[in-house]
Each structure stands twice: as C-alpha cells, then as structure tokens.
C-alpha atoms as a PDB file:
ATOM      1  CA  UNK A   1     -27.300   0.357   1.485  1.00  0.00           C
ATOM      2  CA  UNK A   2     -25.120  -1.095   4.088  1.00  0.00           C
ATOM      3  CA  UNK A   3     -22.160   0.329   6.031  1.00  0.00           C
ATOM      4  CA  UNK A   4     -18.826  -0.752   7.199  1.00  0.00           C
ATOM      5  CA  UNK A   5     -18.182  -0.452  10.850  1.00  0.00           C
ATOM      6  CA  UNK A   6     -15.477   1.925  12.302  1.00  0.00           C
ATOM      7  CA  UNK A   7     -12.082   0.068  12.846  1.00  0.00           C
ATOM      8  CA  UNK A   8     -12.731  -2.496  10.035  1.00  0.00           C
ATOM      9  CA  UNK A   9     -10.222  -2.915   7.359  1.00  0.00           C
ATOM     10  CA  UNK A  10     -12.377  -4.703   4.890  1.00  0.00           C
ATOM     11  CA  UNK A  11     -16.023  -4.804   3.969  1.00  0.00           C
ATOM     12  CA  UNK A  12     -18.676  -4.155   1.277  1.00  0.00           C
ATOM     13  CA  UNK A  13     -21.138  -1.469   0.771  1.00  0.00           C
ATOM     14  CA  UNK A  14     -24.075  -2.218  -1.626  1.00  0.00           C
ATOM     15  CA  UNK A  15     -26.293   0.197  -3.436  1.00  0.00           C
ATOM     16  CA  UNK A  16     -29.585  -1.580  -4.416  1.00  0.00           C
ATOM     17  CA  UNK A  17     -30.111  -2.321  -8.086  1.00  0.00           C
ATOM     18  CA  UNK A  18     -31.990   0.454  -9.951  1.00  0.00           C
ATOM     19  CA  UNK A  19     -30.627   3.330  -7.651  1.00  0.00           C
ATOM     20  CA  UNK A  20     -29.677   6.148  -9.678  1.00  0.00           C
ATOM     21  CA  UNK A  21     -27.872   8.297  -7.246  1.00  0.00           C
ATOM     22  CA  UNK A  22     -25.907   7.599  -4.011  1.00  0.00           C
ATOM     23  CA  UNK A  23     -22.645   7.854  -2.194  1.00  0.00           C
ATOM     24  CA  UNK A  24     -20.170   5.500  -0.735  1.00  0.00           C
ATOM     25  CA  UNK A  25     -18.065   7.262   1.989  1.00  0.00           C
ATOM     26  CA  UNK A  26     -14.707   6.112   3.118  1.00  0.00           C
ATOM     27  CA  UNK A  27     -12.998   7.360   6.164  1.00  0.00           C
ATOM     28  CA  UNK A  28      -9.278   6.835   6.768  1.00  0.00           C
ATOM     29  CA  UNK A  29      -6.972   8.487   9.269  1.00  0.00           C
ATOM     30  CA  UNK A  30      -9.643  11.246   9.933  1.00  0.00           C
ATOM     31  CA  UNK A  31      -9.905  12.062   6.272  1.00  0.00           C
ATOM     32  CA  UNK A  32     -13.309  11.402   4.548  1.00  0.00           C
ATOM     33  CA  UNK A  33     -13.498  10.455   0.758  1.00  0.00           C
ATOM     34  CA  UNK A  34     -16.731   9.889  -0.971  1.00  0.00           C
ATOM     35  CA  UNK A  35     -17.538   8.198  -4.340  1.00  0.00           C
ATOM     36  CA  UNK A  36     -20.742   9.732  -5.627  1.00  0.00           C
ATOM     37  CA  UNK A  37     -22.938   8.609  -8.338  1.00  0.00           C
ATOM     38  CA  UNK A  38     -25.138  11.257 -10.135  1.00  0.00           C
ATOM     39  CA  UNK A  39     -28.383  10.782 -12.057  1.00  0.00           C
ATOM     40  CA  UNK A  40     -26.427   9.967 -15.149  1.00  0.00           C
ATOM     41  CA  UNK A  41     -24.561   7.365 -13.307  1.00  0.00           C
ATOM     42  CA  UNK A  42     -21.210   9.218 -13.471  1.00  0.00           C
ATOM     43  CA  UNK A  43     -18.892   8.404 -10.451  1.00  0.00           C
ATOM     44  CA  UNK A  44     -17.075  11.353  -8.801  1.00  0.00           C
ATOM     45  CA  UNK A  45     -14.749  11.216  -5.940  1.00  0.00           C
ATOM     46  CA  UNK A  46     -14.973  13.981  -3.315  1.00  0.00           C
ATOM     47  CA  UNK A  47     -12.375  14.557  -0.719  1.00  0.00           C
ATOM     48  CA  UNK A  48      -8.725  13.425  -0.401  1.00  0.00           C
ATOM     49  CA  UNK A  49      -7.724  10.265  -2.325  1.00  0.00           C
ATOM     50  CA  UNK A  50      -5.049   8.054  -0.869  1.00  0.00           C
ATOM     51  CA  UNK A  51      -2.647   6.172  -3.358  1.00  0.00           C
ATOM     52  CA  UNK A  52      -3.033   2.469  -2.480  1.00  0.00           C
ATOM     53  CA  UNK A  53      -0.045   0.224  -1.710  1.00  0.00           C
ATOM     54  CA  UNK A  54      -0.262  -3.352  -3.174  1.00  0.00           C
ATOM     55  CA  UNK A  55       1.089  -5.930  -0.954  1.00  0.00           C
ATOM     56  CA  UNK A  56       1.264  -9.642  -1.644  1.00  0.00           C
ATOM     57  CA  UNK A  57       0.647  -9.535  -5.330  1.00  0.00           C
ATOM     58  CA  UNK A  58       2.116 -12.249  -7.713  1.00  0.00           C
ATOM     59  CA  UNK A  59       2.917 -12.621 -11.233  1.00  0.00           C
ATOM     60  CA  UNK A  60       1.185 -15.203 -13.242  1.00  0.00           C
ATOM     61  CA  UNK A  61       3.567 -17.699 -15.092  1.00  0.00           C
ATOM     62  CA  UNK A  62       2.145 -19.295 -18.199  1.00  0.00           C
ATOM     63  CA  UNK A  63       3.744 -21.987 -20.341  1.00  0.00           C
ATOM     64  CA  UNK A  64       2.760 -21.156 -23.967  1.00  0.00           C
ATOM     65  CA  UNK A  65       1.380 -24.212 -25.967  1.00  0.00           C
ATOM     66  CA  UNK A  66       0.858 -22.085 -29.130  1.00  0.00           C
ATOM     67  CA  UNK A  67       2.677 -18.945 -30.297  1.00  0.00           C
ATOM     68  CA  UNK A  68       0.212 -16.274 -28.811  1.00  0.00           C
ATOM     69  CA  UNK A  69       1.037 -14.365 -25.704  1.00  0.00           C
ATOM     70  CA  UNK A  70      -2.313 -13.949 -24.234  1.00  0.00           C
ATOM     71  CA  UNK A  71      -2.185 -11.208 -21.580  1.00  0.00           C
ATOM     72  CA  UNK A  72      -5.385 -12.249 -20.070  1.00  0.00           C
ATOM     73  CA  UNK A  73      -3.657 -15.425 -18.708  1.00  0.00           C
ATOM     74  CA  UNK A  74      -0.486 -14.099 -17.213  1.00  0.00           C
ATOM     75  CA  UNK A  75       2.437 -11.719 -17.515  1.00  0.00           C
ATOM     76  CA  UNK A  76       5.418 -14.202 -17.356  1.00  0.00           C
ATOM     77  CA  UNK A  77       5.529 -16.580 -20.428  1.00  0.00           C
ATOM     78  CA  UNK A  78       7.708 -19.436 -21.110  1.00  0.00           C
ATOM     79  CA  UNK A  79       8.254 -21.308 -24.576  1.00  0.00           C
ATOM     80  CA  UNK A  80      10.620 -23.821 -25.841  1.00  0.00           C
ATOM     81  CA  UNK A  81      11.382 -23.116 -29.546  1.00  0.00           C
ATOM     82  CA  UNK A  82      11.612 -26.358 -31.800  1.00  0.00           C
ATOM     83  CA  UNK A  83      10.930 -24.806 -35.264  1.00  0.00           C
ATOM     84  CA  UNK A  84      10.217 -21.365 -36.915  1.00  0.00           C
ATOM     85  CA  UNK A  85       7.896 -19.564 -34.573  1.00  0.00           C
ATOM     86  CA  UNK A  86       5.775 -16.443 -35.256  1.00  0.00           C
ATOM     87  CA  UNK A  87       4.734 -14.869 -31.930  1.00  0.00           C
ATOM     88  CA  UNK A  88       1.608 -12.803 -31.584  1.00  0.00           C
ATOM     89  CA  UNK A  89       0.177 -10.852 -28.526  1.00  0.00           C
ATOM     90  CA  UNK A  90      -3.562 -10.671 -27.549  1.00  0.00           C
ATOM     91  CA  UNK A  91      -5.575  -9.034 -24.818  1.00  0.00           C
ATOM     92  CA  UNK A  92      -3.463  -5.891 -24.861  1.00  0.00           C
ATOM     93  CA  UNK A  93      -4.596  -2.912 -22.659  1.00  0.00           C
ATOM     94  CA  UNK A  94      -6.132   0.077 -24.409  1.00  0.00           C
ATOM     95  CA  UNK A  95      -4.170   3.077 -25.386  1.00  0.00           C
ATOM     96  CA  UNK A  96      -2.924   5.160 -22.411  1.00  0.00           C
ATOM     97  CA  UNK A  97      -2.748   2.087 -20.204  1.00  0.00           C
ATOM     98  CA  UNK A  98       0.311  -0.117 -19.907  1.00  0.00           C
ATOM     99  CA  UNK A  99       0.651  -3.732 -20.861  1.00  0.00           C
ATOM    100  CA  UNK A 100       4.009  -5.555 -19.962  1.00  0.00           C
ATOM    101  CA  UNK A 101       5.239  -8.978 -19.809  1.00  0.00           C
ATOM    102  CA  UNK A 102       8.459 -11.245 -19.549  1.00  0.00           C
ATOM    103  CA  UNK A 103       9.091 -13.855 -22.084  1.00  0.00           C
ATOM    104  CA  UNK A 104      11.455 -16.692 -21.297  1.00  0.00           C
ATOM    105  CA  UNK A 105      12.612 -18.508 -24.506  1.00  0.00           C
ATOM    106  CA  UNK A 106      14.476 -21.939 -24.396  1.00  0.00           C
ATOM    107  CA  UNK A 107      16.440 -22.637 -27.580  1.00  0.00           C
ATOM    108  CA  UNK A 108      15.340 -19.464 -29.095  1.00  0.00           C
ATOM    109  CA  UNK A 109      18.430 -19.263 -31.408  1.00  0.00           C
ATOM    110  CA  UNK A 110      17.783 -22.854 -32.702  1.00  0.00           C
ATOM    111  CA  UNK A 111      15.147 -21.722 -35.308  1.00  0.00           C
ATOM    112  CA  UNK A 112      13.709 -18.337 -36.668  1.00  0.00           C
ATOM    113  CA  UNK A 113      11.642 -16.424 -34.186  1.00  0.00           C
ATOM    114  CA  UNK A 114       9.330 -13.915 -35.855  1.00  0.00           C
ATOM    115  CA  UNK A 115       8.393 -11.107 -33.407  1.00  0.00           C
ATOM    116  CA  UNK A 116       4.960  -9.751 -33.137  1.00  0.00           C
ATOM    117  CA  UNK A 117       4.211  -6.471 -34.865  1.00  0.00           C
ATOM    118  CA  UNK A 118       5.644  -3.250 -33.641  1.00  0.00           C
ATOM    119  CA  UNK A 119       8.641  -4.361 -31.625  1.00  0.00           C
ATOM    120  CA  UNK A 120      11.352  -1.654 -31.183  1.00  0.00           C
ATOM    121  CA  UNK A 121      14.696  -3.053 -29.938  1.00  0.00           C
ATOM    122  CA  UNK A 122      17.727  -0.993 -28.637  1.00  0.00           C
ATOM    123  CA  UNK A 123      19.785   0.159 -31.479  1.00  0.00           C
ATOM    124  CA  UNK A 124      16.950  -1.314 -33.727  1.00  0.00           C
ATOM    125  CA  UNK A 125      18.342  -4.825 -33.884  1.00  0.00           C
ATOM    126  CA  UNK A 126      16.675  -7.862 -32.294  1.00  0.00           C
ATOM    127  CA  UNK A 127      18.908  -9.874 -30.058  1.00  0.00           C
ATOM    128  CA  UNK A 128      20.708 -13.046 -31.158  1.00  0.00           C
ATOM    129  CA  UNK A 129      19.170 -15.856 -29.175  1.00  0.00           C
ATOM    130  CA  UNK A 130      20.908 -18.861 -27.568  1.00  0.00           C
ATOM    131  CA  UNK A 131      20.531 -22.067 -29.782  1.00  0.00           C
ATOM    132  CA  UNK A 132      20.758 -24.342 -26.686  1.00  0.00           C
ATOM    133  CA  UNK A 133      19.860 -22.521 -23.485  1.00  0.00           C
ATOM    134  CA  UNK A 134      17.429 -19.896 -21.940  1.00  0.00           C
ATOM    135  CA  UNK A 135      17.042 -16.268 -22.756  1.00  0.00           C
ATOM    136  CA  UNK A 136      14.791 -13.736 -20.870  1.00  0.00           C
ATOM    137  CA  UNK A 137      13.169 -10.737 -22.505  1.00  0.00           C
ATOM    138  CA  UNK A 138      10.906  -7.928 -21.425  1.00  0.00           C
ATOM    139  CA  UNK A 139       8.352  -5.916 -23.278  1.00  0.00           C
ATOM    140  CA  UNK A 140       5.970  -3.016 -22.777  1.00  0.00           C
ATOM    141  CA  UNK A 141       3.593  -0.890 -24.568  1.00  0.00           C
ATOM    142  CA  UNK A 142       1.379   2.096 -23.743  1.00  0.00           C
ATOM    143  CA  UNK A 143      -0.320   2.528 -27.050  1.00  0.00           C
ATOM    144  CA  UNK A 144      -2.560  -0.572 -27.217  1.00  0.00           C
ATOM    145  CA  UNK A 145       0.343  -2.651 -28.777  1.00  0.00           C
ATOM    146  CA  UNK A 146       1.196  -0.445 -31.781  1.00  0.00           C
ATOM    147  CA  UNK A 147       4.660   0.016 -30.419  1.00  0.00           C
ATOM    148  CA  UNK A 148       6.365  -2.549 -28.175  1.00  0.00           C
ATOM    149  CA  UNK A 149       9.624  -1.846 -26.485  1.00  0.00           C
ATOM    150  CA  UNK A 150      11.673  -4.997 -26.345  1.00  0.00           C
ATOM    151  CA  UNK A 151      14.628  -5.548 -24.019  1.00  0.00           C
ATOM    152  CA  UNK A 152      17.069  -8.285 -23.263  1.00  0.00           C
ATOM    153  CA  UNK A 153      17.053  -9.112 -19.594  1.00  0.00           C
ATOM    154  CA  UNK A 154      19.446 -11.983 -19.958  1.00  0.00           C
ATOM    155  CA  UNK A 155      20.860 -14.166 -22.622  1.00  0.00           C
ATOM    156  CA  UNK A 156      22.071 -17.781 -22.025  1.00  0.00           C
ATOM    157  CA  UNK A 157      20.840 -17.499 -18.412  1.00  0.00           C
ATOM    158  CA  UNK A 158      21.922 -20.466 -16.422  1.00  0.00           C
END
C-alpha cells in the first residue's frame, strides 16, 4: 500500500491484488475519514464525509445519426428531423439514480416525432414543434426510464 504525502491535493493509494482487508485514510482540514474494506470486501466509511464540489465539468454534445438517444455518449443531443422519427433512449441509470438530457431538434414540426416510452408532459400534451427552426427540450427520469418528465426549454429558438 502506498500513501499520499501531507499537503498534496491529488494522489493514488493502491491495495495489493488479493488483499481482503485494508483501509484507505483521508485527512482534510484536520478531519480524518477512512474507507475500510472488510473480509467480505464490503466498503465502509468511518469518520466525517465531506460533500465534494465539482469544478470544471462539461456537458457532452452528441449529434444523433440515428434515432437512439444513447446516454453513454453524452447528455446534450442534436437532431435534424427530415421524416417520421421514432426516438428511443438507451443506457439509462438504474432506478433511484437520475438520468437527464437536453434534446435540440431542428425542424421537429416538419414531420411526426414519436416520443420514447413513458414521457409525461406538462398538462399531458406533447409540444407543437417548429416546422422550420430549432426547439430545445429537457428530460429526466429517476426510475430507470419507466417515467420521463419532458419539458420545453424553448420553441423556435433563434
């Protein structure tokens, strides 16, 4: 096992392959937190946990070639509609976790757009999309995609 020196902000601590128990200890602002691994290889935190702050994250923009919104490739999707389109969603987080994405459709009202299964819209009515222009929509689910909440962020966005 290796250690991270005091005062460093990044580093790696490795446990040898085959180890069945061990502890990884973090010390921040005078508070110690340990991640322990028991003989059944169950991890347990001991001590104060600090909520991390994410900085410098970015969204991944994906231009959709087909009609599947693959959440493993990004969370901001663009598509130009040129005929009847049936959208699907894949790689959704498991129930209890949240999957969310933004969908930018160009010319969405020029043809029929069949929404993926389980979309609930405000007032129960899908939006009327722009025939020649850009519409921006948002979706989220917390039950593995059984129910999606869909919202219009902007119609005919210029």
